[in-house]
Amino acid sequence: MRTQVRENLFEELIRALRKGDVARVQALGEQIHPQEILEHWDDLPGEHRYVLLTYLDPEAAAQIFSELEPEDQAAFLEGLPPWRVRQILEELDPDDLTDALQAVEEEDPELARTIKEWLDPQTRAEVETLSAYDEDDAGGLMTPEYVAVRAGMTVDEVLQFLRRAAPDAETVYYLYVIDDEGHLVGVLSLRDLIVADPSMRVAEIMNPNVIHATTETDQEEVARVMADYDLTVLPVIDAEGRLMGIVTIDDVVDVLEEEATEDIHRLGAVDAPELVYSRSSPLELWSARARWLVILIFTGMLTSSILAGFSSVLEATTALAFYIPVLLGTGGNTGSQSATLIVRALATRDIDLGDWPRVLVKELGVGFLLGITLSALIALKVALDGYLGVTPVVALALFLLVIVADLAGALLPLALEKLGLDPALMSNPLIATISDVSGLIIYLSVARLLLRVG
C-alpha cells in the first residue's frame, strides 16, 4: 500500500512537470525522497530533469546531482542558472564537489575556472587539495570534513566543541585526535565520549592504535581494509602522518560497485570498465565488445586448422564428430568455473601468488574427481547411442580435457597477477577458446592413439 502511495506521488510529480506547475513540483519534491527520483531519472525527459534540479530544495537537488554520471554533472553545471549552480555547489560535500568540477574541467575549462571563483576561499582550497590526488586513491576519495580534537582536552570541552563543529562534519561518530603538527595520534567514538566522566582527558579514553590509509592507498585496498575491520569511516594520512581527511562508507560502496562492474565486464570480455548499458549507444556497445571478439575469433580459428590436421581421423570414424560440441562445451565451462573461483579468491585475498603450489595440488584433485564424474556420464551416453567403439576415446578425452581446463582456469589468473595484470582479464570467453583448442588436440590425439587411424 505504501509503495502504491509513493508511486502515485511520483506520477503526480510527472503531471506537474508536464503542466509546468513549478509550485506543485516544489511541494511534491518535499514529499518524495531524492533516491526515488533517481530511480526514475533515466526515464525523465531532459527538460524535466532541468526543472527538478532548478526548483527542488537545494539539498535534495544536490543529493540527486551527486549521484549522476560525471558527464551529466558537467552538462547540468553548464545548463543550469548560475544562482542554482551556486546553491547546489554549496550543498555538496568537498569530495563530490571536486569530482563534479573535474568533470566540468574536461568539457569546459573556462567554466570550471568561473565556478571555482564562486566558491568561498576555504572550499576552493579544499577542492584544489583534493584535485591533486588520483581519483582512484584514498586522497581522491576522502573528504576533509572530519572532527579533530586534542589529547589534552577534557570530555566536557570536546562535547562543547562538537556542538559547534558537528553541523559542518561528514560524520561525528568517530573523532580523531591530533597533535600540534596535525599528526594522527588516536581515535575515540562518540559512545566513548558520552559514557566517560566529563573531567577525563581525551588521552585517557582514546585508542592510540588507529587503522588508517595513506593518501596514495588504492581505492580497492581502502575498501578491503574497511571491510576487514568493519569500519564505517577510515582516516587518511599523508606521508608524514598528518591527518588529511576521512573516507566514509558511502564512498566505499561506490568503489565496490565500480570494482565489481569492472571485473564482471572483463570476465565477459567487455573492454569498457565504466560502461553504463542504459546510457550507451549501439556504436559504443559495439566498440566495447568487438575488440575482444576479434581477438577471440582469430584464436578460435586455430580449431579449424586442428580439425584439418586431423581430418583423416574424423574420416575414419565419423561418430567422433558427434561428440565434439559436448566435449568442448564441458571443457570451457570447467575452465570458467575454476577461473571465476580463483579471480574471486585473489580479489578477497583468500589466496595470493605464494599459494600457487597449493592451488595446483587442489585443482589437480578437483579436476580428477570432475573428470571421473563427467567421463562416466559421457561414456554411458555414447554407449547408449550405440557407438561402443569410440566410447573409450570420448571418455578418456573428456577426463583429460577436464583436468587441463580446470588447471588452465586456475593457473592463468595467477600468472596474470604475477605479471602485474588484472586477473579478471583472463575472461571466460578466453578460457573457453583455450579449452576449445586444447580439447580438440586432446580428443583427436586420443582417437588417433586408441583407434590407430590417421
Protein backbone atom coordinates (compact mmCIF):
# COMPACT_ATOMS: atom_id res chain seq x y z
CA MET A 1 0.00 0.00 0.00
CA ARG A 2 2.81 2.36 0.96
CA THR A 3 4.63 1.58 -2.30
CA GLN A 4 1.49 2.42 -4.27
CA VAL A 5 1.19 5.73 -2.44
CA ARG A 6 4.79 6.57 -3.32
CA GLU A 7 4.20 5.68 -6.97
CA ASN A 8 1.09 7.87 -7.03
CA LEU A 9 3.12 10.78 -5.66
CA PHE A 10 5.71 10.35 -8.41
CA GLU A 11 3.01 10.13 -11.10
CA GLU A 12 1.56 13.37 -9.73
CA LEU A 13 5.03 14.91 -9.92
CA ILE A 14 5.25 13.88 -13.59
CA ARG A 15 1.89 15.53 -14.30
CA ALA A 16 3.04 18.73 -12.59
CA LEU A 17 6.23 18.73 -14.67
CA ARG A 18 4.24 18.31 -17.88
CA LYS A 19 1.97 21.21 -16.94
CA GLY A 20 4.90 23.40 -15.92
CA ASP A 21 3.41 23.84 -12.43
CA VAL A 22 6.59 24.80 -10.59
CA ALA A 23 4.87 25.41 -7.25
CA ARG A 24 3.37 21.91 -7.33
CA VAL A 25 6.72 20.41 -8.34
CA GLN A 26 8.36 22.05 -5.34
CA ALA A 27 5.61 20.88 -2.97
CA LEU A 28 5.77 17.29 -4.23
CA GLY A 29 9.56 17.37 -4.18
CA GLU A 30 9.42 17.84 -0.41
CA GLN A 31 7.39 14.62 -0.08
CA ILE A 32 9.44 12.43 -2.41
CA HIS A 33 12.90 11.24 -1.38
CA PRO A 34 15.66 12.15 -3.85
CA GLN A 35 16.54 8.47 -4.22
CA GLU A 36 13.02 7.77 -5.51
CA ILE A 37 13.51 10.43 -8.16
CA LEU A 38 16.89 8.92 -9.07
CA GLU A 39 15.25 5.54 -9.62
CA HIS A 40 13.15 7.09 -12.43
CA TRP A 41 15.77 9.59 -13.59
CA ASP A 42 16.68 7.87 -16.85
CA ASP A 43 13.01 7.78 -17.87
CA LEU A 44 12.54 11.54 -17.48
CA PRO A 45 12.80 13.87 -20.49
CA GLY A 46 15.79 16.20 -20.41
CA GLU A 47 13.70 19.32 -19.80
CA HIS A 48 12.05 17.72 -16.75
CA ARG A 49 15.44 16.91 -15.26
CA TYR A 50 16.48 20.56 -15.58
CA VAL A 51 13.25 21.71 -13.91
CA LEU A 52 13.78 19.34 -10.98
CA LEU A 53 17.40 20.38 -10.42
CA THR A 54 16.41 24.03 -10.73
CA TYR A 55 13.41 24.14 -8.41
CA LEU A 56 13.76 21.30 -5.90
CA ASP A 57 15.04 22.11 -2.43
CA PRO A 58 18.80 22.79 -2.81
CA GLU A 59 19.75 19.90 -0.51
CA ALA A 60 17.58 17.44 -2.45
CA ALA A 61 18.86 18.77 -5.77
CA ALA A 62 22.45 18.39 -4.57
CA GLN A 63 21.79 14.82 -3.43
CA ILE A 64 20.44 13.92 -6.88
CA PHE A 65 23.26 15.79 -8.61
CA SER A 66 25.96 13.97 -6.63
CA GLU A 67 24.70 10.58 -7.88
CA LEU A 68 24.80 11.47 -11.58
CA GLU A 69 27.49 10.41 -14.03
CA PRO A 70 30.38 12.93 -14.35
CA GLU A 71 29.49 13.86 -17.94
CA ASP A 72 25.88 14.55 -16.87
CA GLN A 73 27.08 16.69 -13.98
CA ALA A 74 29.19 18.73 -16.37
CA ALA A 75 26.21 19.23 -18.70
CA PHE A 76 23.95 20.42 -15.88
CA LEU A 77 26.55 22.81 -14.46
CA GLU A 78 26.77 24.34 -17.94
CA GLY A 79 23.00 24.50 -18.47
CA LEU A 80 21.55 25.42 -15.05
CA PRO A 81 21.10 29.05 -13.99
CA PRO A 82 24.20 30.38 -12.19
CA TRP A 83 22.24 31.08 -8.99
CA ARG A 84 21.15 27.42 -8.84
CA VAL A 85 24.65 26.16 -9.61
CA ARG A 86 25.91 28.14 -6.60
CA GLN A 87 23.21 26.65 -4.36
CA ILE A 88 23.97 23.08 -5.43
CA LEU A 89 27.72 23.55 -5.03
CA GLU A 90 27.23 24.89 -1.51
CA GLU A 91 25.36 21.71 -0.54
CA LEU A 92 27.87 19.25 -2.00
CA ASP A 93 30.50 17.55 0.13
CA PRO A 94 34.05 18.60 -0.86
CA ASP A 95 34.86 15.22 -2.45
CA ASP A 96 31.66 15.25 -4.57
CA LEU A 97 32.26 18.90 -5.46
CA THR A 98 35.81 18.09 -6.58
CA ASP A 99 34.60 15.23 -8.78
CA ALA A 100 31.99 17.48 -10.40
CA LEU A 101 34.48 20.26 -11.10
CA GLN A 102 36.96 17.80 -12.59
CA ALA A 103 34.22 16.59 -14.94
CA VAL A 104 33.46 20.18 -15.98
CA GLU A 105 37.15 20.90 -16.46
CA GLU A 106 37.40 18.14 -19.05
CA GLU A 107 34.47 19.59 -21.02
CA ASP A 108 34.85 23.33 -20.45
CA PRO A 109 37.98 24.56 -18.58
CA GLU A 110 36.80 28.18 -18.71
CA LEU A 111 33.51 27.32 -17.00
CA ALA A 112 35.40 25.31 -14.37
CA ARG A 113 37.55 28.35 -13.56
CA THR A 114 34.44 30.55 -13.31
CA ILE A 115 32.70 28.11 -10.97
CA LYS A 116 35.78 27.91 -8.74
CA GLU A 117 35.70 31.69 -8.40
CA TRP A 118 32.18 31.39 -6.98
CA LEU A 119 33.46 29.20 -4.12
CA ASP A 120 34.49 30.65 -0.79
CA PRO A 121 38.28 30.64 -0.17
CA GLN A 122 38.21 27.68 2.24
CA THR A 123 36.14 25.48 -0.08
CA ARG A 124 38.27 26.47 -3.05
CA ALA A 125 41.42 25.49 -1.13
CA GLU A 126 39.87 22.12 -0.21
CA VAL A 127 38.95 21.45 -3.84
CA GLU A 128 42.46 22.33 -5.02
CA THR A 129 43.95 19.99 -2.43
CA LEU A 130 41.66 17.07 -3.34
CA SER A 131 42.19 17.66 -7.07
CA ALA A 132 45.89 16.96 -6.63
CA TYR A 133 45.22 13.32 -5.79
CA ASP A 134 44.45 10.50 -8.19
CA GLU A 135 40.71 9.80 -8.20
CA ASP A 136 41.37 6.08 -7.65
CA ASP A 137 43.43 6.67 -4.50
CA ALA A 138 42.32 7.36 -0.93
CA GLY A 139 43.28 11.01 -1.42
CA GLY A 140 40.76 11.29 -4.23
CA LEU A 141 38.04 9.59 -2.18
CA MET A 142 38.45 11.40 1.11
CA THR A 143 36.61 14.40 2.45
CA PRO A 144 38.28 16.97 4.74
CA GLU A 145 35.08 17.39 6.76
CA TYR A 146 36.02 15.48 9.91
CA VAL A 147 36.17 16.29 13.60
CA ALA A 148 39.64 16.52 15.15
CA VAL A 149 40.39 17.16 18.81
CA ARG A 150 43.49 17.38 21.01
CA ALA A 151 44.62 14.81 23.53
CA GLY A 152 44.73 17.38 26.34
CA MET A 153 41.06 18.40 26.01
CA THR A 154 38.56 17.22 28.60
CA VAL A 155 35.44 15.28 27.66
CA ASP A 156 33.29 18.27 28.56
CA GLU A 157 35.37 20.56 26.32
CA VAL A 158 35.06 18.12 23.44
CA LEU A 159 31.27 17.94 23.82
CA GLN A 160 31.04 21.71 23.74
CA PHE A 161 33.31 21.79 20.69
CA LEU A 162 31.14 19.17 18.98
CA ARG A 163 28.05 21.33 19.27
CA ARG A 164 29.83 23.95 17.19
CA ALA A 165 31.69 21.66 14.76
CA ALA A 166 29.16 18.89 14.12
CA PRO A 167 26.99 20.71 11.54
CA ASP A 168 29.97 21.01 9.16
CA ALA A 169 31.36 17.49 9.63
CA GLU A 170 30.68 14.49 7.37
CA THR A 171 30.29 12.28 10.44
CA VAL A 172 30.71 12.74 14.19
CA TYR A 173 30.51 9.11 15.26
CA TYR A 174 34.30 8.98 15.35
CA LEU A 175 36.59 11.76 16.49
CA TYR A 176 40.27 11.86 15.59
CA VAL A 177 42.97 13.01 17.94
CA ILE A 178 45.83 15.06 16.51
CA ASP A 179 48.92 16.73 17.96
CA ASP A 180 50.07 20.30 17.41
CA GLU A 181 51.52 19.41 13.98
CA GLY A 182 48.34 17.67 12.86
CA HIS A 183 49.68 14.12 13.19
CA LEU A 184 47.08 11.44 13.85
CA VAL A 185 47.68 10.04 17.35
CA GLY A 186 44.38 8.43 18.32
CA VAL A 187 40.67 7.90 17.80
CA LEU A 188 37.60 7.74 20.00
CA SER A 189 33.97 7.06 19.30
CA LEU A 190 31.03 9.23 20.23
CA ARG A 191 29.89 6.42 22.53
CA ASP A 192 33.23 6.51 24.39
CA LEU A 193 32.80 10.23 24.80
CA ILE A 194 29.24 10.08 26.11
CA VAL A 195 29.87 7.43 28.76
CA ALA A 196 33.14 8.97 30.01
CA ASP A 197 33.46 11.23 33.02
CA PRO A 198 33.25 14.89 31.85
CA SER A 199 36.53 15.72 33.61
CA MET A 200 38.56 12.96 31.93
CA ARG A 201 41.14 13.87 29.30
CA VAL A 202 40.89 12.63 25.72
CA ALA A 203 44.30 10.96 26.12
CA GLU A 204 42.81 8.70 28.80
CA ILE A 205 39.98 7.30 26.67
CA MET A 206 41.31 7.41 23.11
CA ASN A 207 42.58 4.38 21.20
CA PRO A 208 46.15 5.12 20.03
CA ASN A 209 46.15 2.22 17.52
CA VAL A 210 44.32 3.76 14.58
CA ILE A 211 43.58 1.78 11.44
CA HIS A 212 44.25 4.20 8.60
CA ALA A 213 45.10 4.63 4.91
CA THR A 214 47.55 6.97 3.24
CA THR A 215 46.64 9.42 0.51
CA GLU A 216 48.32 7.07 -2.02
CA THR A 217 46.42 3.92 -0.97
CA ASP A 218 44.45 2.43 -3.87
CA GLN A 219 40.67 2.66 -3.52
CA GLU A 220 40.30 -1.12 -3.73
CA GLU A 221 42.67 -1.50 -0.78
CA VAL A 222 40.70 1.15 1.13
CA ALA A 223 37.50 -0.82 0.60
CA ARG A 224 39.21 -4.04 1.66
CA VAL A 225 40.57 -2.51 4.88
CA MET A 226 37.17 -1.08 5.83
CA ALA A 227 35.51 -4.43 5.14
CA ASP A 228 38.16 -6.41 7.06
CA TYR A 229 37.93 -4.19 10.15
CA ASP A 230 34.17 -3.46 9.91
CA LEU A 231 34.77 0.28 9.71
CA THR A 232 32.28 2.90 8.59
CA VAL A 233 34.95 5.61 8.48
CA LEU A 234 38.66 5.38 7.68
CA PRO A 235 41.12 8.22 8.38
CA VAL A 236 43.61 9.16 5.67
CA ILE A 237 47.10 10.46 6.48
CA ASP A 238 49.90 11.87 4.35
CA ALA A 239 53.49 10.61 4.16
CA GLU A 240 54.37 12.49 7.38
CA GLY A 241 51.45 11.03 9.31
CA ARG A 242 49.31 14.18 9.28
CA LEU A 243 45.55 13.65 9.16
CA MET A 244 44.29 14.80 5.76
CA GLY A 245 40.71 13.53 5.64
CA ILE A 246 38.37 10.59 6.04
CA VAL A 247 36.78 8.06 3.70
CA THR A 248 33.18 7.20 4.59
CA ILE A 249 31.25 4.02 3.93
CA ASP A 250 29.04 5.58 1.24
CA ASP A 251 32.12 6.29 -0.87
CA VAL A 252 33.36 2.73 -0.33
CA VAL A 253 30.05 1.28 -1.50
CA ASP A 254 30.51 3.21 -4.75
CA VAL A 255 34.06 1.85 -5.04
CA LEU A 256 32.91 -1.74 -4.51
CA GLU A 257 30.22 -1.33 -7.16
CA GLU A 258 32.73 0.21 -9.57
CA GLU A 259 35.32 -2.53 -9.00
CA ALA A 260 32.73 -5.31 -9.26
CA THR A 261 31.39 -3.85 -12.50
CA GLU A 262 34.90 -3.61 -13.91
CA ASP A 263 35.69 -7.24 -13.03
CA ILE A 264 32.39 -8.52 -14.42
CA HIS A 265 32.95 -6.64 -17.68
CA ARG A 266 36.44 -8.07 -18.00
CA LEU A 267 35.31 -11.60 -17.17
CA GLY A 268 32.81 -11.21 -20.00
CA ALA A 269 35.47 -9.79 -22.36
CA VAL A 270 33.83 -6.35 -22.49
CA ASP A 271 36.58 -3.76 -22.88
CA ALA A 272 34.85 -0.85 -21.14
CA PRO A 273 35.11 -0.84 -17.31
CA GLU A 274 32.93 2.30 -16.95
CA LEU A 275 30.27 1.27 -19.47
CA VAL A 276 26.69 2.06 -18.41
CA TYR A 277 24.41 -0.01 -20.63
CA SER A 278 21.33 2.23 -20.45
CA ARG A 279 23.39 5.28 -21.45
CA SER A 280 25.42 3.64 -24.20
CA SER A 281 24.70 3.87 -27.92
CA PRO A 282 24.87 0.82 -30.21
CA LEU A 283 28.20 2.16 -31.53
CA GLU A 284 29.67 2.37 -28.02
CA LEU A 285 28.46 -1.14 -27.20
CA TRP A 286 29.93 -2.39 -30.48
CA SER A 287 33.29 -0.80 -29.66
CA ALA A 288 33.34 -2.29 -26.14
CA ARG A 289 32.62 -5.80 -27.38
CA ALA A 290 34.18 -6.02 -30.83
CA ARG A 291 37.85 -5.73 -29.85
CA TRP A 292 37.93 -8.83 -27.68
CA LEU A 293 35.67 -10.76 -30.04
CA VAL A 294 38.04 -10.07 -32.94
CA ILE A 295 40.95 -11.39 -30.88
CA LEU A 296 38.94 -14.43 -29.83
CA ILE A 297 37.78 -15.27 -33.34
CA PHE A 298 41.37 -15.32 -34.58
CA THR A 299 42.27 -17.57 -31.66
CA GLY A 300 39.25 -19.73 -32.39
CA MET A 301 40.35 -20.13 -36.00
CA LEU A 302 43.00 -22.46 -34.65
CA THR A 303 40.24 -25.02 -34.16
CA SER A 304 39.59 -25.23 -37.90
CA SER A 305 43.31 -25.74 -38.51
CA ILE A 306 43.37 -28.50 -35.91
CA LEU A 307 40.36 -30.21 -37.45
CA ALA A 308 42.02 -30.04 -40.86
CA GLY A 309 45.16 -31.60 -39.45
CA PHE A 310 43.16 -34.50 -38.02
CA SER A 311 40.81 -34.89 -40.99
CA SER A 312 41.93 -38.47 -41.59
CA VAL A 313 40.92 -39.41 -38.06
CA LEU A 314 37.43 -37.92 -38.49
CA GLU A 315 37.00 -39.53 -41.90
CA ALA A 316 37.88 -42.93 -40.49
CA THR A 317 35.39 -42.70 -37.62
CA THR A 318 32.60 -40.23 -38.35
CA ALA A 319 30.97 -40.83 -34.96
CA LEU A 320 33.82 -38.89 -33.31
CA ALA A 321 32.44 -35.64 -34.73
CA PHE A 322 29.11 -36.10 -32.92
CA TYR A 323 30.72 -35.54 -29.50
CA ILE A 324 32.97 -32.58 -30.25
CA PRO A 325 30.39 -29.96 -29.08
CA VAL A 326 29.75 -31.61 -25.71
CA LEU A 327 33.46 -32.11 -25.02
CA LEU A 328 34.41 -28.54 -25.88
CA GLY A 329 31.43 -27.08 -24.01
CA THR A 330 32.26 -29.09 -20.90
CA GLY A 331 35.92 -28.06 -21.04
CA GLY A 332 35.02 -24.39 -21.42
CA ASN A 333 32.56 -24.49 -18.53
CA THR A 334 35.08 -26.27 -16.30
CA GLY A 335 37.79 -23.70 -17.02
CA SER A 336 35.40 -20.77 -16.50
CA GLN A 337 34.32 -22.16 -13.13
CA SER A 338 37.87 -22.51 -11.81
CA ALA A 339 38.90 -19.10 -13.23
CA THR A 340 35.95 -17.43 -11.50
CA LEU A 341 36.81 -19.04 -8.16
CA ILE A 342 40.50 -18.09 -8.37
CA VAL A 343 39.85 -14.50 -9.52
CA ARG A 344 37.47 -14.02 -6.61
CA ALA A 345 39.88 -15.64 -4.14
CA LEU A 346 42.65 -13.30 -5.30
CA ALA A 347 40.35 -10.27 -5.01
CA THR A 348 39.37 -11.14 -1.43
CA ARG A 349 42.95 -12.13 -0.53
CA ASP A 350 41.82 -15.61 0.34
CA ILE A 351 44.90 -16.70 -1.63
CA ASP A 352 47.98 -14.96 -3.01
CA LEU A 353 50.71 -15.77 -5.52
CA GLY A 354 52.66 -17.76 -2.95
CA ASP A 355 49.78 -20.22 -2.73
CA TRP A 356 50.15 -21.44 -6.33
CA PRO A 357 51.56 -24.89 -5.34
CA ARG A 358 48.58 -25.42 -3.04
CA VAL A 359 46.21 -24.27 -5.79
CA LEU A 360 47.89 -26.63 -8.26
CA VAL A 361 47.54 -29.65 -5.99
CA LYS A 362 43.98 -28.80 -5.02
CA GLU A 363 42.82 -28.24 -8.60
CA LEU A 364 44.53 -31.45 -9.74
CA GLY A 365 42.37 -33.25 -7.21
CA VAL A 366 39.24 -31.35 -8.20
CA GLY A 367 39.94 -31.89 -11.89
CA PHE A 368 40.49 -35.62 -11.33
CA LEU A 369 37.18 -36.00 -9.46
CA LEU A 370 35.27 -33.92 -12.01
CA GLY A 371 36.91 -35.82 -14.84
CA ILE A 372 35.88 -39.20 -13.38
CA THR A 373 32.31 -37.98 -12.84
CA LEU A 374 31.80 -36.42 -16.26
CA SER A 375 33.63 -39.07 -18.26
CA ALA A 376 31.47 -41.76 -16.68
CA LEU A 377 28.35 -39.87 -17.77
CA ILE A 378 29.57 -39.30 -21.32
CA ALA A 379 30.66 -42.95 -21.61
CA LEU A 380 27.16 -44.06 -20.70
CA LYS A 381 25.66 -41.69 -23.28
CA VAL A 382 27.98 -42.83 -26.09
CA ALA A 383 27.33 -46.50 -25.27
CA LEU A 384 23.57 -45.94 -25.29
CA ASP A 385 23.94 -44.24 -28.68
CA GLY A 386 25.41 -47.49 -29.93
CA TYR A 387 28.95 -46.28 -30.63
CA LEU A 388 30.79 -48.72 -28.39
CA GLY A 389 33.93 -48.46 -30.48
CA VAL A 390 34.51 -44.82 -29.65
CA THR A 391 33.25 -44.90 -26.05
CA PRO A 392 36.76 -45.24 -24.51
CA VAL A 393 38.04 -42.43 -26.75
CA VAL A 394 35.33 -39.95 -25.75
CA ALA A 395 35.51 -40.87 -22.06
CA LEU A 396 39.31 -40.66 -21.80
CA ALA A 397 39.46 -37.45 -23.83
CA LEU A 398 36.86 -35.76 -21.63
CA PHE A 399 38.66 -36.93 -18.48
CA LEU A 400 41.94 -35.40 -19.68
CA LEU A 401 40.28 -32.22 -21.02
CA VAL A 402 38.50 -31.51 -17.73
CA ILE A 403 41.80 -31.74 -15.83
CA VAL A 404 43.61 -29.49 -18.33
CA ALA A 405 40.78 -26.93 -18.47
CA ASP A 406 40.50 -26.86 -14.68
CA LEU A 407 44.22 -26.23 -14.28
CA ALA A 408 44.25 -23.60 -17.04
CA GLY A 409 41.35 -21.73 -15.46
CA ALA A 410 43.05 -21.77 -12.06
CA LEU A 411 46.66 -21.02 -13.01
CA LEU A 412 46.26 -18.44 -15.80
CA PRO A 413 44.76 -15.78 -13.45
CA LEU A 414 47.70 -16.39 -11.09
CA ALA A 415 50.09 -15.91 -13.99
CA LEU A 416 48.43 -12.61 -14.88
CA GLU A 417 48.67 -11.48 -11.27
CA LYS A 418 52.38 -12.33 -11.32
CA LEU A 419 52.79 -10.17 -14.43
CA GLY A 420 51.07 -7.26 -12.68
CA LEU A 421 47.91 -7.51 -14.79
CA ASP A 422 44.31 -7.71 -13.63
CA PRO A 423 43.42 -11.42 -13.16
CA ALA A 424 39.92 -10.64 -14.43
CA LEU A 425 41.47 -10.14 -17.86
CA MET A 426 41.54 -13.92 -18.00
CA SER A 427 37.94 -13.72 -19.12
CA ASN A 428 35.54 -16.61 -19.52
CA PRO A 429 35.47 -16.31 -23.35
CA LEU A 430 39.27 -16.53 -23.49
CA ILE A 431 39.27 -19.56 -21.19
CA ALA A 432 36.64 -21.15 -23.41
CA THR A 433 38.76 -20.54 -26.50
CA ILE A 434 41.83 -22.06 -24.86
CA SER A 435 39.74 -25.04 -23.78
CA ASP A 436 38.42 -25.46 -27.32
CA VAL A 437 41.90 -25.58 -28.83
CA SER A 438 43.37 -27.89 -26.20
CA GLY A 439 40.19 -30.00 -26.20
CA LEU A 440 40.39 -30.73 -29.93
CA ILE A 441 44.07 -31.61 -29.71
CA ILE A 442 43.44 -33.96 -26.77
CA TYR A 443 40.34 -35.56 -28.27
CA LEU A 444 41.73 -36.24 -31.73
CA SER A 445 45.14 -37.31 -30.42
CA VAL A 446 43.48 -39.84 -28.10
CA ALA A 447 41.34 -41.07 -31.03
CA ARG A 448 44.40 -41.48 -33.25
CA LEU A 449 46.22 -43.38 -30.50
CA LEU A 450 43.40 -45.71 -29.40
CA LEU A 451 41.76 -46.30 -32.78
CA ARG A 452 45.08 -46.44 -34.63
CA VAL A 453 43.77 -44.33 -37.52
CA GLY A 454 45.18 -41.38 -39.42
